[in-house]
Amino acid sequence: MASFRTAVALASLLVLFSLSSAQLSSEFYSHSCPNLFPTIKSVVESAIQAEARIGASLLRLFFHDCFV
């Protein structure tokens, strides 16, 4: 009986996951936080002007955070 319930629960989850259509989008914050990208850009530019080597460190951080 427990294995049947587990099978039904897993089947239900599979159906729910197949129905979702979540997609990554570069426009995700355009409505909820429209000033996000200009704010980030100005902060990163200021940090790079203060210490040029931090640009490479930030690029590595963003790569590992976003692309892995």
Protein backbone atom coordinates (compact mmCIF):
# COMPACT_ATOMS: atom_id res chain seq x y z
CA MET A 1 0.00 0.00 0.00
CA ALA A 2 2.83 2.41 0.85
CA SER A 3 4.56 1.72 -2.47
CA PHE A 4 1.30 2.46 -4.30
CA ARG A 5 1.01 5.83 -2.50
CA THR A 6 4.63 6.60 -3.31
CA ALA A 7 4.04 5.75 -6.97
CA VAL A 8 0.94 7.94 -7.10
CA ALA A 9 2.79 10.81 -5.43
CA LEU A 10 5.71 10.53 -7.87
CA ALA A 11 3.36 10.33 -10.85
CA SER A 12 1.55 13.44 -9.61
CA LEU A 13 4.82 15.31 -9.27
CA LEU A 14 5.88 14.30 -12.76
CA VAL A 15 2.61 15.58 -14.18
CA LEU A 16 2.98 18.89 -12.34
CA PHE A 17 6.57 19.33 -13.49
CA SER A 18 5.66 18.57 -17.09
CA LEU A 19 2.88 21.17 -17.00
CA SER A 20 5.12 23.96 -15.74
CA SER A 21 6.69 26.12 -18.39
CA ALA A 22 9.21 28.09 -16.36
CA GLN A 23 11.75 29.77 -18.56
CA LEU A 24 14.72 31.99 -17.80
CA SER A 25 14.27 35.50 -19.09
CA SER A 26 16.48 38.57 -19.25
CA GLU A 27 13.29 40.61 -18.75
CA PHE A 28 12.47 39.02 -15.36
CA TYR A 29 13.10 42.19 -13.31
CA SER A 30 11.81 44.70 -15.87
CA HIS A 31 8.51 45.18 -14.03
CA SER A 32 9.31 44.34 -10.42
CA CYS A 33 12.58 46.29 -10.25
CA PRO A 34 13.05 48.44 -13.37
CA ASN A 35 16.15 50.23 -12.01
CA LEU A 36 18.02 47.03 -11.21
CA PHE A 37 20.43 46.93 -14.15
CA PRO A 38 21.39 50.63 -14.13
CA THR A 39 21.98 50.41 -10.37
CA ILE A 40 24.15 47.31 -10.67
CA LYS A 41 26.07 48.82 -13.59
CA SER A 42 26.92 51.99 -11.69
CA VAL A 43 28.04 50.08 -8.59
CA VAL A 44 30.21 47.69 -10.62
CA GLU A 45 31.75 50.55 -12.60
CA SER A 46 32.56 52.39 -9.36
CA ALA A 47 34.14 49.26 -7.89
CA ILE A 48 36.27 48.71 -11.00
CA GLN A 49 37.42 52.34 -10.98
CA ALA A 50 38.47 52.00 -7.35
CA GLU A 51 40.26 48.65 -7.89
CA ALA A 52 40.70 47.48 -11.49
CA ARG A 53 41.41 43.84 -10.55
CA ILE A 54 37.98 43.45 -9.00
CA GLY A 55 36.45 43.31 -12.50
CA ALA A 56 37.95 39.87 -13.13
CA SER A 57 36.85 38.68 -9.69
CA LEU A 58 33.28 39.85 -10.29
CA LEU A 59 33.19 38.22 -13.70
CA ARG A 60 34.31 34.93 -12.17
CA LEU A 61 31.75 35.28 -9.37
CA PHE A 62 28.90 35.95 -11.81
CA PHE A 63 29.99 33.08 -14.05
CA HIS A 64 29.97 30.56 -11.23
CA ASP A 65 26.74 31.92 -9.78
CA CYS A 66 24.77 32.20 -13.01
CA PHE A 67 26.18 29.78 -15.55
CA VAL A 68 26.98 26.60 -13.66
